[in-house]
C-alpha cells in the first residue's frame, strides 16, 4: 500500500489552505515551517492533514529546524503517515538547508573600505568592557583569510608580539593586514601607544612585503580609521 492511500491529501484542501498554491501566489516567505514541511510530505494520514502532521513533527523537535534535521529516518517514521520515502524527503531537504548555510558561512569577507572592517569587527569587540587588539589577515584580493585576537587588556607596544603576527601572516598566506582594537570608553582619539604599535607593525611587515592597510579604533557606535585620516606610516 502506498503512503498516500487513504490519507488526507493536500489536493483535497480548499484553495486558500493549499501550501503549494500559497507559495506560488504569495511567495515562499509567506509559509510557516509546518506548511513548508507539508509540501515535502504531500499528504498526512487518514486522521490529520499534512500541515497538522508537520506541526506535530516540528513540535517533537521543539519547533527547531536544526533539531529536526538531526532526527533519524527511524525517528521520523515513528509518526503515523510518515513512511520511508517521506522521511527521506524531509531529511534530504534539511540537509540541503544545512549545506546552504555552511556555504554562506564559508564565503570570505572582502574589505573595500574602513566601513567593511567596522561592520565585521564591531559585533566582536564594539561592546566589550575591556580592550582587545585584533588583526585581520587578507589575501591579494583583500578577502579576509582569518581574524585573530592578539591581546586582551591595555594596548602597549610590549603586548604585541610582532614575530608571532608575521609568522602567522606567512602561514596563512596573507599579503596585507588590518589592525583593530576597541575603546570601551567611547573615545575615538588614538593614543600615543596606538600610533606606536601601528608604526612598529607596519615597519616590520614591510620587510616581508606585507602591507598594513589600516588601523581602526572601534566603539559601540562609531570608528576611527588611521587610513581615512591619512595617518598610516
C-alpha atoms as a PDB file:
ATOM      1  CA  UNK A   1       0.000   0.000   0.000  1.00  0.00           C
ATOM      2  CA  UNK A   2       1.421   3.429  -0.895  1.00  0.00           C
ATOM      3  CA  UNK A   3       1.970   6.125   1.712  1.00  0.00           C
ATOM      4  CA  UNK A   4      -0.795   8.274   0.218  1.00  0.00           C
ATOM      5  CA  UNK A   5      -3.511   5.610   0.375  1.00  0.00           C
ATOM      6  CA  UNK A   6      -6.498   6.654   2.496  1.00  0.00           C
ATOM      7  CA  UNK A   7      -4.664   9.843   3.505  1.00  0.00           C
ATOM      8  CA  UNK A   8      -5.730  13.444   3.710  1.00  0.00           C
ATOM      9  CA  UNK A   9      -4.137  14.816   0.539  1.00  0.00           C
ATOM     10  CA  UNK A  10      -3.279  18.476   0.047  1.00  0.00           C
ATOM     11  CA  UNK A  11      -5.223  18.319  -3.239  1.00  0.00           C
ATOM     12  CA  UNK A  12      -8.426  17.873  -1.227  1.00  0.00           C
ATOM     13  CA  UNK A  13      -7.962  21.149   0.660  1.00  0.00           C
ATOM     14  CA  UNK A  14      -9.612  24.417  -0.235  1.00  0.00           C
ATOM     15  CA  UNK A  15      -7.517  26.658  -2.500  1.00  0.00           C
ATOM     16  CA  UNK A  16      -6.658  29.064   0.355  1.00  0.00           C
ATOM     17  CA  UNK A  17      -5.316  26.264   2.532  1.00  0.00           C
ATOM     18  CA  UNK A  18      -3.035  24.613  -0.028  1.00  0.00           C
ATOM     19  CA  UNK A  19       0.593  25.436   0.807  1.00  0.00           C
ATOM     20  CA  UNK A  20       1.847  24.752  -2.722  1.00  0.00           C
ATOM     21  CA  UNK A  21      -0.551  27.302  -4.163  1.00  0.00           C
ATOM     22  CA  UNK A  22       0.201  29.692  -1.292  1.00  0.00           C
ATOM     23  CA  UNK A  23       3.900  29.524  -2.123  1.00  0.00           C
ATOM     24  CA  UNK A  24       3.173  30.093  -5.810  1.00  0.00           C
ATOM     25  CA  UNK A  25       0.806  33.013  -5.245  1.00  0.00           C
ATOM     26  CA  UNK A  26       2.265  34.692  -2.137  1.00  0.00           C
ATOM     27  CA  UNK A  27       5.921  33.655  -2.126  1.00  0.00           C
ATOM     28  CA  UNK A  28       7.909  31.185  -0.044  1.00  0.00           C
ATOM     29  CA  UNK A  29       8.364  33.561   2.901  1.00  0.00           C
ATOM     30  CA  UNK A  30       4.597  33.577   3.477  1.00  0.00           C
ATOM     31  CA  UNK A  31       4.589  29.916   4.537  1.00  0.00           C
ATOM     32  CA  UNK A  32       5.149  28.650   8.055  1.00  0.00           C
ATOM     33  CA  UNK A  33       7.726  25.942   8.752  1.00  0.00           C
ATOM     34  CA  UNK A  34       4.893  23.428   9.081  1.00  0.00           C
ATOM     35  CA  UNK A  35       3.456  24.413   5.698  1.00  0.00           C
ATOM     36  CA  UNK A  36       6.877  24.017   4.057  1.00  0.00           C
ATOM     37  CA  UNK A  37       7.294  20.563   5.606  1.00  0.00           C
ATOM     38  CA  UNK A  38       3.748  19.728   4.486  1.00  0.00           C
ATOM     39  CA  UNK A  39       4.754  20.430   0.884  1.00  0.00           C
ATOM     40  CA  UNK A  40       7.597  17.946   1.296  1.00  0.00           C
ATOM     41  CA  UNK A  41       5.408  15.147   2.607  1.00  0.00           C
ATOM     42  CA  UNK A  42       2.419  15.910   0.340  1.00  0.00           C
ATOM     43  CA  UNK A  43      -0.199  14.195   2.477  1.00  0.00           C
ATOM     44  CA  UNK A  44      -0.959  13.320   6.054  1.00  0.00           C
ATOM     45  CA  UNK A  45      -2.812  10.351   7.451  1.00  0.00           C
ATOM     46  CA  UNK A  46      -6.471   9.426   7.427  1.00  0.00           C
ATOM     47  CA  UNK A  47      -6.895  11.345  10.672  1.00  0.00           C
ATOM     48  CA  UNK A  48      -4.950  14.573  10.101  1.00  0.00           C
ATOM     49  CA  UNK A  49      -3.788  16.896   7.367  1.00  0.00           C
ATOM     50  CA  UNK A  50      -0.204  17.194   6.183  1.00  0.00           C
ATOM     51  CA  UNK A  51       0.128  20.547   7.973  1.00  0.00           C
ATOM     52  CA  UNK A  52      -1.178  19.150  11.261  1.00  0.00           C
ATOM     53  CA  UNK A  53       1.180  16.194  10.933  1.00  0.00           C
ATOM     54  CA  UNK A  54       4.033  18.561  10.163  1.00  0.00           C
ATOM     55  CA  UNK A  55       3.176  20.633  13.226  1.00  0.00           C
ATOM     56  CA  UNK A  56       3.397  17.521  15.396  1.00  0.00           C
ATOM     57  CA  UNK A  57       6.748  16.545  13.897  1.00  0.00           C
ATOM     58  CA  UNK A  58       8.124  20.043  14.424  1.00  0.00           C
ATOM     59  CA  UNK A  59       6.798  20.165  17.991  1.00  0.00           C
ATOM     60  CA  UNK A  60       8.664  16.960  18.774  1.00  0.00           C
ATOM     61  CA  UNK A  61      11.856  18.803  17.811  1.00  0.00           C
ATOM     62  CA  UNK A  62      10.995  21.849  19.889  1.00  0.00           C
ATOM     63  CA  UNK A  63       9.914  23.699  16.720  1.00  0.00           C
ATOM     64  CA  UNK A  64      13.590  23.965  15.888  1.00  0.00           C
ATOM     65  CA  UNK A  65      14.654  23.157  12.320  1.00  0.00           C
ATOM     66  CA  UNK A  66      18.222  22.345  13.383  1.00  0.00           C
ATOM     67  CA  UNK A  67      16.888  19.804  15.868  1.00  0.00           C
ATOM     68  CA  UNK A  68      14.509  18.435  13.237  1.00  0.00           C
ATOM     69  CA  UNK A  69      17.436  17.917  10.877  1.00  0.00           C
ATOM     70  CA  UNK A  70      19.108  15.697  13.480  1.00  0.00           C
ATOM     71  CA  UNK A  71      16.202  13.240  13.641  1.00  0.00           C
ATOM     72  CA  UNK A  72      16.983   9.866  12.097  1.00  0.00           C
ATOM     73  CA  UNK A  73      14.850   8.252   9.397  1.00  0.00           C
ATOM     74  CA  UNK A  74      13.649   5.778  12.015  1.00  0.00           C
ATOM     75  CA  UNK A  75      12.546   8.578  14.357  1.00  0.00           C
ATOM     76  CA  UNK A  76      10.663  10.345  11.577  1.00  0.00           C
ATOM     77  CA  UNK A  77       8.901   7.130  10.617  1.00  0.00           C
ATOM     78  CA  UNK A  78       7.515   6.774  14.128  1.00  0.00           C
ATOM     79  CA  UNK A  79       4.903   9.378  13.141  1.00  0.00           C
ATOM     80  CA  UNK A  80       1.772   7.917  11.624  1.00  0.00           C
ATOM     81  CA  UNK A  81       1.646   8.991   7.989  1.00  0.00           C
ATOM     82  CA  UNK A  82       5.429   9.170   7.561  1.00  0.00           C
ATOM     83  CA  UNK A  83       6.858   6.252   5.667  1.00  0.00           C
ATOM     84  CA  UNK A  84      10.403   5.763   4.451  1.00  0.00           C
ATOM     85  CA  UNK A  85      10.019   7.866   1.291  1.00  0.00           C
ATOM     86  CA  UNK A  86       8.619  10.864   3.177  1.00  0.00           C
ATOM     87  CA  UNK A  87      11.257  10.552   5.905  1.00  0.00           C
ATOM     88  CA  UNK A  88      13.988  10.560   3.254  1.00  0.00           C
ATOM     89  CA  UNK A  89      12.453  13.624   1.582  1.00  0.00           C
ATOM     90  CA  UNK A  90      12.429  15.562   4.864  1.00  0.00           C
ATOM     91  CA  UNK A  91      15.999  14.513   5.684  1.00  0.00           C
ATOM     92  CA  UNK A  92      17.237  15.458   2.200  1.00  0.00           C
ATOM     93  CA  UNK A  93      15.580  18.889   2.280  1.00  0.00           C
ATOM     94  CA  UNK A  94      17.016  19.736   5.696  1.00  0.00           C
ATOM     95  CA  UNK A  95      20.468  18.526   4.655  1.00  0.00           C
ATOM     96  CA  UNK A  96      20.333  20.867   1.642  1.00  0.00           C
ATOM     97  CA  UNK A  97      19.454  23.705   4.015  1.00  0.00           C
ATOM     98  CA  UNK A  98      22.386  22.810   6.261  1.00  0.00           C
ATOM     99  CA  UNK A  99      24.784  22.773   3.316  1.00  0.00           C
ATOM    100  CA  UNK A 100      23.485  26.120   2.070  1.00  0.00           C
ATOM    101  CA  UNK A 101      24.055  27.652   5.500  1.00  0.00           C
ATOM    102  CA  UNK A 102      27.575  26.219   5.578  1.00  0.00           C
ATOM    103  CA  UNK A 103      28.405  27.645   2.158  1.00  0.00           C
ATOM    104  CA  UNK A 104      27.254  31.090   3.259  1.00  0.00           C
ATOM    105  CA  UNK A 105      29.422  30.881   6.373  1.00  0.00           C
ATOM    106  CA  UNK A 106      32.439  29.914   4.285  1.00  0.00           C
ATOM    107  CA  UNK A 107      32.132  32.907   1.974  1.00  0.00           C
ATOM    108  CA  UNK A 108      35.128  35.115   2.530  1.00  0.00           C
ATOM    109  CA  UNK A 109      34.530  38.662   3.688  1.00  0.00           C
ATOM    110  CA  UNK A 110      36.084  41.257   1.389  1.00  0.00           C
ATOM    111  CA  UNK A 111      37.498  44.552   2.602  1.00  0.00           C
ATOM    112  CA  UNK A 112      36.855  47.500   0.298  1.00  0.00           C
ATOM    113  CA  UNK A 113      36.729  50.280   2.892  1.00  0.00           C
ATOM    114  CA  UNK A 114      37.197  51.040   6.571  1.00  0.00           C
ATOM    115  CA  UNK A 115      33.436  50.639   6.952  1.00  0.00           C
ATOM    116  CA  UNK A 116      33.729  46.988   5.906  1.00  0.00           C
ATOM    117  CA  UNK A 117      36.233  46.429   8.709  1.00  0.00           C
ATOM    118  CA  UNK A 118      33.933  48.128  11.208  1.00  0.00           C
ATOM    119  CA  UNK A 119      30.953  46.016  10.110  1.00  0.00           C
ATOM    120  CA  UNK A 120      32.993  42.847  10.607  1.00  0.00           C
ATOM    121  CA  UNK A 121      34.622  43.744  13.921  1.00  0.00           C
ATOM    122  CA  UNK A 122      32.007  45.846  15.730  1.00  0.00           C
ATOM    123  CA  UNK A 123      29.884  42.805  16.657  1.00  0.00           C
ATOM    124  CA  UNK A 124      33.034  41.155  18.045  1.00  0.00           C
ATOM    125  CA  UNK A 125      34.693  43.940  20.042  1.00  0.00           C
ATOM    126  CA  UNK A 126      32.488  47.036  19.838  1.00  0.00           C
ATOM    127  CA  UNK A 127      30.590  46.469  23.074  1.00  0.00           C
ATOM    128  CA  UNK A 128      33.256  44.828  25.241  1.00  0.00           C
ATOM    129  CA  UNK A 129      34.032  46.326  28.678  1.00  0.00           C
ATOM    130  CA  UNK A 130      37.767  45.772  28.119  1.00  0.00           C
ATOM    131  CA  UNK A 131      40.192  46.434  25.274  1.00  0.00           C
ATOM    132  CA  UNK A 132      41.086  43.754  22.732  1.00  0.00           C
ATOM    133  CA  UNK A 133      43.546  44.012  19.849  1.00  0.00           C
ATOM    134  CA  UNK A 134      42.752  42.025  16.688  1.00  0.00           C
ATOM    135  CA  UNK A 135      44.332  41.538  13.287  1.00  0.00           C
ATOM    136  CA  UNK A 136      42.594  40.763  10.011  1.00  0.00           C
ATOM    137  CA  UNK A 137      44.794  38.771   7.626  1.00  0.00           C
ATOM    138  CA  UNK A 138      43.973  39.483   3.966  1.00  0.00           C
ATOM    139  CA  UNK A 139      44.876  37.861   0.652  1.00  0.00           C
ATOM    140  CA  UNK A 140      45.789  39.737  -2.541  1.00  0.00           C
ATOM    141  CA  UNK A 141      42.078  40.327  -3.265  1.00  0.00           C
ATOM    142  CA  UNK A 142      41.581  41.909   0.166  1.00  0.00           C
ATOM    143  CA  UNK A 143      39.455  38.993   1.287  1.00  0.00           C
ATOM    144  CA  UNK A 144      39.694  38.053   4.953  1.00  0.00           C
ATOM    145  CA  UNK A 145      41.664  34.861   5.393  1.00  0.00           C
ATOM    146  CA  UNK A 146      41.464  34.919   9.165  1.00  0.00           C
ATOM    147  CA  UNK A 147      40.623  37.071  12.181  1.00  0.00           C
ATOM    148  CA  UNK A 148      42.918  36.733  15.175  1.00  0.00           C
ATOM    149  CA  UNK A 149      42.833  38.177  18.678  1.00  0.00           C
ATOM    150  CA  UNK A 150      46.333  39.365  19.525  1.00  0.00           C
ATOM    151  CA  UNK A 151      45.922  40.717  23.030  1.00  0.00           C
ATOM    152  CA  UNK A 152      43.364  41.414  25.713  1.00  0.00           C
ATOM    153  CA  UNK A 153      43.660  44.356  28.060  1.00  0.00           C
ATOM    154  CA  UNK A 154      45.520  47.622  27.622  1.00  0.00           C
ATOM    155  CA  UNK A 155      47.278  48.389  24.347  1.00  0.00           C
ATOM    156  CA  UNK A 156      51.038  48.864  24.633  1.00  0.00           C
ATOM    157  CA  UNK A 157      53.866  48.112  22.256  1.00  0.00           C
ATOM    158  CA  UNK A 158      55.176  45.375  24.509  1.00  0.00           C
ATOM    159  CA  UNK A 159      51.887  43.454  24.385  1.00  0.00           C
ATOM    160  CA  UNK A 160      52.095  42.799  20.651  1.00  0.00           C
ATOM    161  CA  UNK A 161      54.417  40.017  19.566  1.00  0.00           C
ATOM    162  CA  UNK A 162      55.435  41.225  16.112  1.00  0.00           C
ATOM    163  CA  UNK A 163      57.207  37.977  15.281  1.00  0.00           C
ATOM    164  CA  UNK A 164      54.076  35.975  16.050  1.00  0.00           C
ATOM    165  CA  UNK A 165      51.960  38.276  13.871  1.00  0.00           C
ATOM    166  CA  UNK A 166      54.290  37.942  10.888  1.00  0.00           C
ATOM    167  CA  UNK A 167      54.779  34.201  11.379  1.00  0.00           C
ATOM    168  CA  UNK A 168      51.008  33.723  11.265  1.00  0.00           C
ATOM    169  CA  UNK A 169      50.695  36.003   8.244  1.00  0.00           C
ATOM    170  CA  UNK A 170      53.157  33.807   6.339  1.00  0.00           C
ATOM    171  CA  UNK A 171      51.391  30.618   7.471  1.00  0.00           C
ATOM    172  CA  UNK A 172      48.007  31.744   6.115  1.00  0.00           C
ATOM    173  CA  UNK A 173      49.459  33.378   3.004  1.00  0.00           C
ATOM    174  CA  UNK A 174      48.426  36.924   3.920  1.00  0.00           C
ATOM    175  CA  UNK A 175      49.784  39.841   1.903  1.00  0.00           C
ATOM    176  CA  UNK A 176      48.063  42.574   3.913  1.00  0.00           C
ATOM    177  CA  UNK A 177      46.933  43.240   7.474  1.00  0.00           C
ATOM    178  CA  UNK A 178      44.318  45.431   9.120  1.00  0.00           C
ATOM    179  CA  UNK A 179      44.774  46.252  12.804  1.00  0.00           C
ATOM    180  CA  UNK A 180      41.747  46.760  15.047  1.00  0.00           C
ATOM    181  CA  UNK A 181      41.128  47.493  18.680  1.00  0.00           C
ATOM    182  CA  UNK A 182      38.264  48.849  20.721  1.00  0.00           C
ATOM    183  CA  UNK A 183      37.981  51.755  23.144  1.00  0.00           C
ATOM    184  CA  UNK A 184      35.417  50.851  25.823  1.00  0.00           C
ATOM    185  CA  UNK A 185      35.482  54.492  26.963  1.00  0.00           C
ATOM    186  CA  UNK A 186      33.858  55.507  23.680  1.00  0.00           C
ATOM    187  CA  UNK A 187      36.618  57.919  22.718  1.00  0.00           C
ATOM    188  CA  UNK A 188      37.842  57.714  19.139  1.00  0.00           C
ATOM    189  CA  UNK A 189      41.079  59.649  19.642  1.00  0.00           C
ATOM    190  CA  UNK A 190      44.148  57.434  19.070  1.00  0.00           C
ATOM    191  CA  UNK A 191      46.628  57.306  21.926  1.00  0.00           C
ATOM    192  CA  UNK A 192      50.384  57.520  21.594  1.00  0.00           C
ATOM    193  CA  UNK A 193      50.505  53.753  22.175  1.00  0.00           C
ATOM    194  CA  UNK A 194      48.056  53.273  19.279  1.00  0.00           C
ATOM    195  CA  UNK A 195      50.334  55.295  16.994  1.00  0.00           C
ATOM    196  CA  UNK A 196      53.464  53.446  18.105  1.00  0.00           C
ATOM    197  CA  UNK A 197      52.046  49.957  17.593  1.00  0.00           C
ATOM    198  CA  UNK A 198      50.798  50.965  14.131  1.00  0.00           C
ATOM    199  CA  UNK A 199      54.274  52.215  13.212  1.00  0.00           C
ATOM    200  CA  UNK A 200      56.015  49.191  14.727  1.00  0.00           C
ATOM    201  CA  UNK A 201      53.848  46.605  12.932  1.00  0.00           C
ATOM    202  CA  UNK A 202      53.883  48.478   9.638  1.00  0.00           C
ATOM    203  CA  UNK A 203      57.694  48.660   9.573  1.00  0.00           C
ATOM    204  CA  UNK A 204      58.129  45.010  10.488  1.00  0.00           C
ATOM    205  CA  UNK A 205      55.523  43.800   7.956  1.00  0.00           C
ATOM    206  CA  UNK A 206      57.083  45.862   5.179  1.00  0.00           C
ATOM    207  CA  UNK A 207      60.299  43.887   5.495  1.00  0.00           C
ATOM    208  CA  UNK A 208      58.342  40.815   4.364  1.00  0.00           C
ATOM    209  CA  UNK A 209      56.411  42.671   1.629  1.00  0.00           C
ATOM    210  CA  UNK A 210      53.278  42.579   3.772  1.00  0.00           C
ATOM    211  CA  UNK A 211      51.355  45.851   3.963  1.00  0.00           C
ATOM    212  CA  UNK A 212      49.429  47.129   6.959  1.00  0.00           C
ATOM    213  CA  UNK A 213      46.457  48.793   5.272  1.00  0.00           C
ATOM    214  CA  UNK A 214      44.718  50.389   8.219  1.00  0.00           C
ATOM    215  CA  UNK A 215      44.269  50.535  11.977  1.00  0.00           C
ATOM    216  CA  UNK A 216      40.741  51.002  13.299  1.00  0.00           C
ATOM    217  CA  UNK A 217      39.672  52.148  16.730  1.00  0.00           C
ATOM    218  CA  UNK A 218      36.170  50.773  17.275  1.00  0.00           C
ATOM    219  CA  UNK A 219      33.474  51.804  19.733  1.00  0.00           C
ATOM    220  CA  UNK A 220      29.877  50.689  20.121  1.00  0.00           C
ATOM    221  CA  UNK A 221      28.543  53.134  17.538  1.00  0.00           C
ATOM    222  CA  UNK A 222      31.494  54.581  15.581  1.00  0.00           C
ATOM    223  CA  UNK A 223      35.087  54.085  14.483  1.00  0.00           C
ATOM    224  CA  UNK A 224      38.320  55.920  13.711  1.00  0.00           C
ATOM    225  CA  UNK A 225      40.412  54.881  10.706  1.00  0.00           C
ATOM    226  CA  UNK A 226      44.131  55.731  10.527  1.00  0.00           C
ATOM    227  CA  UNK A 227      43.985  55.262   6.738  1.00  0.00           C
ATOM    228  CA  UNK A 228      40.970  57.534   6.274  1.00  0.00           C
ATOM    229  CA  UNK A 229      42.768  60.240   8.274  1.00  0.00           C
ATOM    230  CA  UNK A 230      45.984  59.641   6.284  1.00  0.00           C
ATOM    231  CA  UNK A 231      47.847  58.655   9.438  1.00  0.00           C
ATOM    232  CA  UNK A 232      49.277  55.340   8.247  1.00  0.00           C
ATOM    233  CA  UNK A 233      53.099  55.350   8.284  1.00  0.00           C
END
